[in-house]
């Protein structure tokens, strides 16, 4: 029963840290970084309590259940540490710019005349960009193209992609 209460206390600490942020912000700065954040400590305490309780429920004596709980606590604490660092250090994707299209392949949507503009679609980072395009030669809709340069914030220069005969 005591180990279940310890597990519940750990869950409460973990839940509060997920909702309110780090409970010990600044209090444990002398210790090693994120290792002693409230999320890591909450996960450690919860897994220790529930792991030990599970071992006891399986018939293990307290002297065996405690080390089993501690191993579970260390494993879940490490996972919480890894996950919080991954989330914190994982920067967000930058906003796409037209410069990101240079060197990318796309497809002509609206034909490109000899002395004018057509429309192409370019896939960049999972986003489809629809841009005005100019080429050295007329290109029909459906032609695969390669972006060679940027003309303006909404227009690029393209060249047809070489297609092997076959």
N, C-alpha and C. Protein backbone atom coordinates (compact mmCIF):
# COMPACT_ATOMS: atom_id res chain seq x y z
N UNK A 1 0.82 -1.19 0.00
CA UNK A 1 0.00 0.00 0.00
C UNK A 1 0.87 1.26 0.00
N UNK A 2 1.96 1.24 0.74
CA UNK A 2 2.85 2.40 0.82
C UNK A 2 3.45 2.71 -0.55
N UNK A 3 3.82 1.66 -1.28
CA UNK A 3 4.41 1.88 -2.60
C UNK A 3 3.40 2.47 -3.58
N UNK A 4 2.14 2.11 -3.46
CA UNK A 4 1.11 2.72 -4.31
C UNK A 4 0.94 4.20 -4.01
N UNK A 5 1.00 4.57 -2.74
CA UNK A 5 0.91 5.98 -2.35
C UNK A 5 2.11 6.75 -2.91
N UNK A 6 3.29 6.16 -2.84
CA UNK A 6 4.48 6.79 -3.41
C UNK A 6 4.29 6.99 -4.92
N UNK A 7 3.76 5.97 -5.59
CA UNK A 7 3.50 6.09 -7.03
C UNK A 7 2.50 7.19 -7.33
N UNK A 8 1.45 7.30 -6.53
CA UNK A 8 0.45 8.35 -6.74
C UNK A 8 1.03 9.74 -6.50
N UNK A 9 1.88 9.87 -5.49
CA UNK A 9 2.55 11.16 -5.24
C UNK A 9 3.41 11.54 -6.45
N UNK A 10 4.12 10.57 -7.00
CA UNK A 10 4.92 10.83 -8.19
C UNK A 10 4.07 11.26 -9.37
N UNK A 11 2.89 10.62 -9.54
CA UNK A 11 1.99 11.02 -10.62
C UNK A 11 1.48 12.44 -10.44
N UNK A 12 1.19 12.82 -9.20
CA UNK A 12 0.72 14.18 -8.92
C UNK A 12 1.82 15.19 -9.28
N UNK A 13 3.04 14.92 -8.85
CA UNK A 13 4.16 15.81 -9.17
C UNK A 13 4.35 15.90 -10.68
N UNK A 14 4.29 14.77 -11.36
CA UNK A 14 4.44 14.74 -12.81
C UNK A 14 3.32 15.52 -13.49
N UNK A 15 2.10 15.32 -13.05
CA UNK A 15 0.96 16.03 -13.63
C UNK A 15 1.06 17.54 -13.43
N UNK A 16 1.44 17.94 -12.23
CA UNK A 16 1.58 19.37 -11.97
C UNK A 16 2.71 19.96 -12.83
N UNK A 17 3.80 19.23 -12.98
CA UNK A 17 4.91 19.75 -13.79
C UNK A 17 4.53 19.86 -15.26
N UNK A 18 3.65 18.97 -15.73
CA UNK A 18 3.20 19.06 -17.12
C UNK A 18 2.26 20.23 -17.35
N UNK A 19 1.46 20.56 -16.33
CA UNK A 19 0.50 21.65 -16.46
C UNK A 19 1.14 23.00 -16.11
N UNK A 20 1.86 23.07 -15.01
CA UNK A 20 2.37 24.33 -14.50
C UNK A 20 3.83 24.60 -14.87
N UNK A 21 4.52 23.64 -15.42
CA UNK A 21 5.93 23.82 -15.71
C UNK A 21 6.78 23.26 -14.58
N UNK A 22 8.07 23.56 -14.64
CA UNK A 22 9.00 23.01 -13.65
C UNK A 22 8.75 23.61 -12.27
N UNK A 23 8.44 22.74 -11.32
CA UNK A 23 8.15 23.20 -9.95
C UNK A 23 9.40 23.68 -9.24
N UNK A 24 10.54 23.15 -9.60
CA UNK A 24 11.79 23.46 -8.91
C UNK A 24 12.65 24.43 -9.71
N UNK A 25 12.03 25.24 -10.57
CA UNK A 25 12.77 26.14 -11.43
C UNK A 25 13.67 27.05 -10.60
N UNK A 26 14.95 26.89 -10.76
CA UNK A 26 15.93 27.69 -10.03
C UNK A 26 16.34 27.10 -8.69
N UNK A 27 15.50 26.28 -8.09
CA UNK A 27 15.80 25.74 -6.76
C UNK A 27 16.92 24.70 -6.81
N UNK A 28 17.00 23.99 -7.91
CA UNK A 28 18.01 22.93 -8.02
C UNK A 28 19.05 23.25 -9.09
N UNK A 29 19.34 24.54 -9.32
CA UNK A 29 20.28 24.93 -10.36
C UNK A 29 21.71 24.46 -10.06
N UNK A 30 22.04 24.24 -8.80
CA UNK A 30 23.38 23.80 -8.45
C UNK A 30 23.61 22.35 -8.89
N UNK A 31 22.53 21.63 -9.11
CA UNK A 31 22.64 20.23 -9.55
C UNK A 31 22.63 20.18 -11.07
N UNK A 32 22.90 19.02 -11.61
CA UNK A 32 23.11 18.85 -13.05
C UNK A 32 21.86 19.06 -13.90
N UNK A 33 21.68 20.26 -14.42
CA UNK A 33 20.70 20.59 -15.44
C UNK A 33 19.32 20.00 -15.28
N UNK A 34 18.84 19.34 -16.34
CA UNK A 34 17.48 18.81 -16.39
C UNK A 34 17.32 17.49 -15.65
N UNK A 35 18.38 16.93 -15.11
CA UNK A 35 18.29 15.65 -14.42
C UNK A 35 17.38 15.76 -13.21
N UNK A 36 17.34 16.92 -12.58
CA UNK A 36 16.54 17.10 -11.39
C UNK A 36 15.35 18.02 -11.63
N UNK A 37 14.77 17.96 -12.81
CA UNK A 37 13.55 18.73 -13.07
C UNK A 37 12.38 18.01 -12.41
N UNK A 38 11.29 18.72 -12.23
CA UNK A 38 10.14 18.10 -11.57
C UNK A 38 9.53 16.99 -12.43
N UNK A 39 9.63 17.08 -13.74
CA UNK A 39 9.11 16.01 -14.60
C UNK A 39 9.92 14.73 -14.41
N UNK A 40 11.23 14.86 -14.34
CA UNK A 40 12.08 13.69 -14.16
C UNK A 40 11.88 13.10 -12.76
N UNK A 41 11.85 13.96 -11.76
CA UNK A 41 11.65 13.46 -10.39
C UNK A 41 10.27 12.83 -10.22
N UNK A 42 9.25 13.43 -10.82
CA UNK A 42 7.91 12.86 -10.76
C UNK A 42 7.83 11.50 -11.43
N UNK A 43 8.46 11.38 -12.60
CA UNK A 43 8.48 10.09 -13.30
C UNK A 43 9.24 9.04 -12.49
N UNK A 44 10.36 9.45 -11.90
CA UNK A 44 11.15 8.53 -11.09
C UNK A 44 10.36 8.03 -9.89
N UNK A 45 9.74 8.95 -9.16
CA UNK A 45 9.00 8.57 -7.95
C UNK A 45 7.80 7.70 -8.32
N UNK A 46 7.06 8.08 -9.37
CA UNK A 46 5.88 7.31 -9.77
C UNK A 46 6.28 5.90 -10.20
N UNK A 47 7.29 5.79 -11.04
CA UNK A 47 7.71 4.46 -11.51
C UNK A 47 8.30 3.63 -10.38
N UNK A 48 9.00 4.26 -9.45
CA UNK A 48 9.54 3.52 -8.30
C UNK A 48 8.39 2.95 -7.47
N UNK A 49 7.41 3.76 -7.18
CA UNK A 49 6.28 3.31 -6.38
C UNK A 49 5.47 2.24 -7.08
N UNK A 50 5.11 2.49 -8.33
CA UNK A 50 4.28 1.51 -9.05
C UNK A 50 5.06 0.25 -9.41
N UNK A 51 6.34 0.40 -9.72
CA UNK A 51 7.16 -0.78 -10.02
C UNK A 51 7.32 -1.67 -8.80
N UNK A 52 7.58 -1.05 -7.64
CA UNK A 52 7.69 -1.82 -6.40
C UNK A 52 6.37 -2.47 -6.02
N UNK A 53 5.27 -1.74 -6.22
CA UNK A 53 3.94 -2.28 -5.91
C UNK A 53 3.62 -3.46 -6.82
N UNK A 54 4.00 -3.37 -8.08
CA UNK A 54 3.76 -4.47 -9.01
C UNK A 54 4.57 -5.70 -8.61
N UNK A 55 5.81 -5.48 -8.17
CA UNK A 55 6.64 -6.61 -7.72
C UNK A 55 6.05 -7.25 -6.47
N UNK A 56 5.55 -6.43 -5.56
CA UNK A 56 4.91 -6.97 -4.36
C UNK A 56 3.63 -7.73 -4.71
N UNK A 57 2.87 -7.20 -5.67
CA UNK A 57 1.64 -7.88 -6.08
C UNK A 57 1.94 -9.22 -6.73
N UNK A 58 3.13 -9.35 -7.32
CA UNK A 58 3.55 -10.62 -7.93
C UNK A 58 4.08 -11.59 -6.89
N UNK A 59 4.14 -11.16 -5.62
CA UNK A 59 4.56 -12.07 -4.55
C UNK A 59 5.96 -11.84 -4.05
N UNK A 60 6.66 -10.81 -4.55
CA UNK A 60 8.03 -10.55 -4.11
C UNK A 60 8.01 -9.90 -2.72
N UNK A 61 8.98 -10.24 -1.88
CA UNK A 61 9.06 -9.57 -0.57
C UNK A 61 9.55 -8.14 -0.76
N UNK A 62 9.41 -7.31 0.26
CA UNK A 62 9.75 -5.90 0.19
C UNK A 62 11.22 -5.70 -0.19
N UNK A 63 12.12 -6.58 0.30
CA UNK A 63 13.55 -6.44 -0.01
C UNK A 63 13.84 -6.68 -1.50
N UNK A 64 12.97 -7.35 -2.19
CA UNK A 64 13.12 -7.54 -3.64
C UNK A 64 12.33 -6.47 -4.39
N UNK A 65 11.16 -6.09 -3.86
CA UNK A 65 10.28 -5.12 -4.53
C UNK A 65 10.92 -3.73 -4.60
N UNK A 66 11.66 -3.33 -3.58
CA UNK A 66 12.29 -2.02 -3.61
C UNK A 66 13.33 -1.88 -4.72
N UNK A 67 14.27 -2.83 -4.89
CA UNK A 67 15.21 -2.70 -6.00
C UNK A 67 14.52 -2.75 -7.37
N UNK A 68 13.46 -3.56 -7.48
CA UNK A 68 12.71 -3.60 -8.75
C UNK A 68 12.09 -2.23 -9.01
N UNK A 69 11.51 -1.63 -7.99
CA UNK A 69 10.93 -0.30 -8.13
C UNK A 69 11.97 0.75 -8.49
N UNK A 70 13.15 0.65 -7.87
CA UNK A 70 14.22 1.61 -8.18
C UNK A 70 14.71 1.49 -9.62
N UNK A 71 14.81 0.27 -10.11
CA UNK A 71 15.22 0.07 -11.51
C UNK A 71 14.17 0.67 -12.44
N UNK A 72 12.89 0.43 -12.14
CA UNK A 72 11.82 1.02 -12.95
C UNK A 72 11.86 2.55 -12.85
N UNK A 73 12.12 3.07 -11.67
CA UNK A 73 12.20 4.52 -11.48
C UNK A 73 13.34 5.14 -12.28
N UNK A 74 14.49 4.50 -12.25
CA UNK A 74 15.63 5.02 -13.03
C UNK A 74 15.32 4.97 -14.52
N UNK A 75 14.71 3.90 -14.99
CA UNK A 75 14.38 3.77 -16.41
C UNK A 75 13.38 4.86 -16.84
N UNK A 76 12.32 5.04 -16.08
CA UNK A 76 11.32 6.05 -16.44
C UNK A 76 11.85 7.47 -16.22
N UNK A 77 12.68 7.66 -15.21
CA UNK A 77 13.30 8.97 -15.01
C UNK A 77 14.20 9.34 -16.17
N UNK A 78 15.00 8.36 -16.65
CA UNK A 78 15.85 8.61 -17.80
C UNK A 78 15.01 8.93 -19.03
N UNK A 79 13.92 8.20 -19.22
CA UNK A 79 13.05 8.46 -20.37
C UNK A 79 12.45 9.86 -20.28
N UNK A 80 12.01 10.29 -19.11
CA UNK A 80 11.46 11.64 -18.94
C UNK A 80 12.54 12.69 -19.21
N UNK A 81 13.77 12.44 -18.74
CA UNK A 81 14.88 13.34 -19.00
C UNK A 81 15.13 13.45 -20.50
N UNK A 82 15.19 12.32 -21.20
CA UNK A 82 15.44 12.30 -22.64
C UNK A 82 14.32 13.03 -23.38
N UNK A 83 13.08 12.76 -22.98
CA UNK A 83 11.94 13.36 -23.66
C UNK A 83 11.88 14.87 -23.45
N UNK A 84 12.13 15.34 -22.23
CA UNK A 84 12.09 16.78 -22.00
C UNK A 84 13.22 17.49 -22.72
N UNK A 85 14.38 16.88 -22.81
CA UNK A 85 15.49 17.49 -23.58
C UNK A 85 15.17 17.51 -25.06
N UNK A 86 14.55 16.44 -25.55
CA UNK A 86 14.18 16.38 -26.96
C UNK A 86 13.19 17.48 -27.30
N UNK A 87 12.21 17.67 -26.45
CA UNK A 87 11.19 18.70 -26.69
C UNK A 87 11.79 20.09 -26.56
N UNK A 88 12.59 20.31 -25.56
CA UNK A 88 13.18 21.63 -25.33
C UNK A 88 14.19 22.00 -26.41
N UNK A 89 15.04 21.06 -26.82
CA UNK A 89 16.09 21.36 -27.77
C UNK A 89 15.64 21.27 -29.22
N UNK A 90 14.50 20.64 -29.47
CA UNK A 90 14.02 20.50 -30.84
C UNK A 90 13.43 21.81 -31.32
N UNK A 91 14.20 22.55 -32.12
CA UNK A 91 13.72 23.83 -32.62
C UNK A 91 12.57 23.64 -33.59
N UNK A 92 11.85 24.69 -33.79
CA UNK A 92 10.75 24.62 -34.75
C UNK A 92 11.29 24.86 -36.14
N UNK A 93 10.55 24.39 -37.11
CA UNK A 93 10.95 24.59 -38.49
C UNK A 93 10.84 26.07 -38.84
N UNK A 94 11.81 26.54 -39.59
CA UNK A 94 11.79 27.93 -40.01
C UNK A 94 10.74 28.12 -41.11
N UNK A 95 10.30 29.33 -41.26
CA UNK A 95 9.34 29.66 -42.31
C UNK A 95 10.02 29.50 -43.65
N UNK A 96 9.30 28.88 -44.58
CA UNK A 96 9.86 28.69 -45.91
C UNK A 96 9.96 30.02 -46.64
N UNK A 97 11.03 30.16 -47.41
CA UNK A 97 11.18 31.34 -48.27
C UNK A 97 11.36 30.85 -49.69
N UNK A 98 11.27 31.75 -50.61
CA UNK A 98 11.42 31.37 -52.02
C UNK A 98 12.83 30.86 -52.30
N UNK A 99 13.81 31.29 -51.51
CA UNK A 99 15.19 30.80 -51.70
C UNK A 99 15.30 29.30 -51.44
N UNK A 100 14.38 28.74 -50.66
CA UNK A 100 14.39 27.31 -50.38
C UNK A 100 14.02 26.48 -51.60
N UNK A 101 13.50 27.11 -52.64
CA UNK A 101 13.10 26.37 -53.84
C UNK A 101 14.26 26.12 -54.80
N UNK A 102 15.34 26.87 -54.66
CA UNK A 102 16.47 26.71 -55.58
C UNK A 102 17.02 25.29 -55.49
N UNK A 103 17.15 24.65 -56.64
CA UNK A 103 17.65 23.28 -56.70
C UNK A 103 16.58 22.22 -56.55
N UNK A 104 15.35 22.62 -56.32
CA UNK A 104 14.24 21.66 -56.16
C UNK A 104 13.57 21.39 -57.50
N UNK A 105 12.94 20.24 -57.59
CA UNK A 105 12.18 19.89 -58.78
C UNK A 105 10.72 20.20 -58.57
N UNK A 106 10.02 20.46 -59.66
CA UNK A 106 8.61 20.76 -59.59
C UNK A 106 7.93 20.39 -60.89
N UNK A 107 6.73 20.91 -61.08
CA UNK A 107 5.94 20.59 -62.26
C UNK A 107 5.24 21.85 -62.75
N UNK A 108 5.21 22.01 -64.09
CA UNK A 108 4.52 23.14 -64.69
C UNK A 108 3.02 22.90 -64.57
N UNK A 109 2.31 23.90 -64.05
CA UNK A 109 0.85 23.82 -63.91
C UNK A 109 0.18 24.56 -65.06
N UNK A 110 0.63 25.78 -65.29
CA UNK A 110 0.16 26.59 -66.41
C UNK A 110 1.34 26.78 -67.35
N UNK A 111 1.16 26.48 -68.63
CA UNK A 111 2.25 26.53 -69.60
C UNK A 111 3.07 27.81 -69.53
N UNK A 112 4.36 27.66 -69.76
CA UNK A 112 5.29 28.80 -69.74
C UNK A 112 5.57 29.18 -71.19
N UNK A 113 5.14 30.39 -71.62
CA UNK A 113 5.41 30.82 -72.99
C UNK A 113 6.86 31.27 -73.16
N UNK A 114 7.28 31.49 -74.40
CA UNK A 114 8.67 31.86 -74.70
C UNK A 114 9.08 33.17 -74.03
N UNK A 115 8.24 34.15 -74.00
CA UNK A 115 8.60 35.46 -73.44
C UNK A 115 7.70 35.86 -72.28
N UNK A 116 7.24 34.91 -71.49
CA UNK A 116 6.34 35.27 -70.40
C UNK A 116 6.45 34.34 -69.22
N UNK A 117 5.44 34.42 -68.38
CA UNK A 117 5.42 33.63 -67.16
C UNK A 117 4.33 32.57 -67.22
N UNK A 118 4.60 31.44 -66.56
CA UNK A 118 3.62 30.40 -66.32
C UNK A 118 3.60 30.15 -64.82
N UNK A 119 2.99 29.04 -64.42
CA UNK A 119 2.90 28.71 -63.00
C UNK A 119 3.45 27.31 -62.79
N UNK A 120 4.25 27.16 -61.72
CA UNK A 120 4.80 25.85 -61.36
C UNK A 120 4.46 25.56 -59.90
N UNK A 121 4.47 24.28 -59.55
CA UNK A 121 4.35 23.89 -58.14
C UNK A 121 5.66 23.21 -57.75
N UNK A 122 6.15 23.58 -56.59
CA UNK A 122 7.41 23.05 -56.06
C UNK A 122 7.12 22.51 -54.67
N UNK A 123 7.58 21.29 -54.38
CA UNK A 123 7.41 20.70 -53.06
C UNK A 123 8.68 20.97 -52.25
N UNK A 124 8.52 21.70 -51.14
CA UNK A 124 9.65 22.05 -50.27
C UNK A 124 9.27 21.72 -48.84
N UNK A 125 9.98 20.79 -48.24
CA UNK A 125 9.76 20.43 -46.84
C UNK A 125 8.33 19.99 -46.55
N UNK A 126 7.71 19.31 -47.49
CA UNK A 126 6.35 18.83 -47.30
C UNK A 126 5.28 19.87 -47.62
N UNK A 127 5.70 21.05 -48.04
CA UNK A 127 4.77 22.12 -48.39
C UNK A 127 4.83 22.36 -49.89
N UNK A 128 3.67 22.51 -50.51
CA UNK A 128 3.63 22.80 -51.94
C UNK A 128 3.60 24.31 -52.12
N UNK A 129 4.57 24.81 -52.87
CA UNK A 129 4.62 26.24 -53.18
C UNK A 129 4.22 26.41 -54.63
N UNK A 130 3.31 27.32 -54.88
CA UNK A 130 2.84 27.62 -56.23
C UNK A 130 3.43 28.97 -56.62
N UNK A 131 4.26 28.98 -57.65
CA UNK A 131 5.01 30.19 -58.00
C UNK A 131 4.90 30.49 -59.49
N UNK A 132 5.09 31.78 -59.83
CA UNK A 132 5.23 32.17 -61.22
C UNK A 132 6.60 31.70 -61.68
N UNK A 133 6.69 31.35 -62.96
CA UNK A 133 7.98 30.83 -63.46
C UNK A 133 8.24 31.29 -64.88
N UNK A 134 9.50 31.47 -65.16
CA UNK A 134 9.97 31.82 -66.50
C UNK A 134 11.01 30.78 -66.90
N UNK A 135 11.09 30.48 -68.19
CA UNK A 135 12.05 29.50 -68.70
C UNK A 135 12.67 30.02 -69.99
N UNK A 136 13.80 29.44 -70.40
CA UNK A 136 14.47 29.84 -71.64
C UNK A 136 13.73 29.35 -72.87
N UNK A 137 12.84 28.41 -72.70
CA UNK A 137 12.08 27.84 -73.82
C UNK A 137 10.65 27.61 -73.37
N UNK A 138 9.70 27.55 -74.28
CA UNK A 138 8.31 27.28 -73.89
C UNK A 138 8.20 25.88 -73.26
N UNK A 139 7.40 25.80 -72.20
CA UNK A 139 7.19 24.51 -71.51
C UNK A 139 5.70 24.27 -71.35
N UNK A 140 5.28 23.05 -71.65
CA UNK A 140 3.88 22.66 -71.56
C UNK A 140 3.51 22.26 -70.13
N UNK A 141 2.21 22.35 -69.80
CA UNK A 141 1.76 21.87 -68.49
C UNK A 141 2.13 20.40 -68.31
N UNK A 142 2.52 20.05 -67.08
CA UNK A 142 2.92 18.68 -66.76
C UNK A 142 4.40 18.42 -66.90
N UNK A 143 5.15 19.35 -67.50
CA UNK A 143 6.59 19.18 -67.68
C UNK A 143 7.29 19.23 -66.32
N UNK A 144 8.18 18.29 -66.08
CA UNK A 144 8.99 18.29 -64.85
C UNK A 144 10.09 19.35 -65.02
N UNK A 145 10.24 20.20 -64.00
CA UNK A 145 11.23 21.28 -64.08
C UNK A 145 12.11 21.30 -62.83
N UNK A 146 13.20 22.04 -62.97
CA UNK A 146 14.18 22.21 -61.90
C UNK A 146 14.34 23.72 -61.69
N UNK A 147 14.23 24.20 -60.45
CA UNK A 147 14.36 25.64 -60.18
C UNK A 147 15.85 26.01 -60.23
N UNK A 148 16.17 27.00 -61.08
CA UNK A 148 17.56 27.40 -61.25
C UNK A 148 17.91 28.70 -60.55
N UNK A 149 16.92 29.61 -60.41
CA UNK A 149 17.20 30.88 -59.71
C UNK A 149 15.89 31.52 -59.28
N UNK A 150 16.04 32.58 -58.47
CA UNK A 150 14.90 33.34 -57.97
C UNK A 150 14.87 34.68 -58.68
N UNK A 151 13.70 35.05 -59.21
CA UNK A 151 13.54 36.35 -59.88
C UNK A 151 12.96 37.40 -58.95
N UNK A 152 12.02 37.00 -58.11
CA UNK A 152 11.36 37.91 -57.18
C UNK A 152 10.77 37.08 -56.05
N UNK A 153 10.12 37.70 -55.09
CA UNK A 153 9.52 36.91 -53.99
C UNK A 153 8.43 35.95 -54.43
N UNK A 154 7.95 36.09 -55.67
CA UNK A 154 6.89 35.19 -56.15
C UNK A 154 7.21 34.52 -57.47
N UNK A 155 8.44 34.68 -57.97
CA UNK A 155 8.77 34.13 -59.28
C UNK A 155 10.16 33.50 -59.29
N UNK A 156 10.28 32.42 -60.08
CA UNK A 156 11.55 31.69 -60.22
C UNK A 156 11.84 31.44 -61.69
N UNK A 157 13.08 31.08 -61.96
CA UNK A 157 13.47 30.62 -63.28
C UNK A 157 13.62 29.12 -63.21
N UNK A 158 13.09 28.42 -64.23
CA UNK A 158 13.14 26.96 -64.23
C UNK A 158 13.73 26.45 -65.53
N UNK A 159 14.18 25.23 -65.48
CA UNK A 159 14.67 24.52 -66.67
C UNK A 159 14.04 23.14 -66.67
N UNK A 160 13.77 22.59 -67.83
CA UNK A 160 13.18 21.24 -67.85
C UNK A 160 14.15 20.20 -67.30
N UNK A 161 13.59 19.23 -66.60
CA UNK A 161 14.41 18.14 -66.08
C UNK A 161 14.68 17.18 -67.22
N UNK A 162 15.92 16.77 -67.34
CA UNK A 162 16.30 15.85 -68.41
C UNK A 162 15.63 14.51 -68.21
N UNK A 163 14.95 14.04 -69.21
CA UNK A 163 14.27 12.74 -69.16
C UNK A 163 14.98 11.79 -70.12
N UNK A 164 15.54 10.69 -69.63
CA UNK A 164 16.22 9.74 -70.52
C UNK A 164 15.22 9.12 -71.49
N UNK A 165 15.69 8.88 -72.68
CA UNK A 165 14.86 8.20 -73.67
C UNK A 165 14.71 6.75 -73.27
N UNK A 166 13.57 6.23 -73.48
CA UNK A 166 13.49 4.84 -73.11
C UNK A 166 12.15 4.33 -73.18
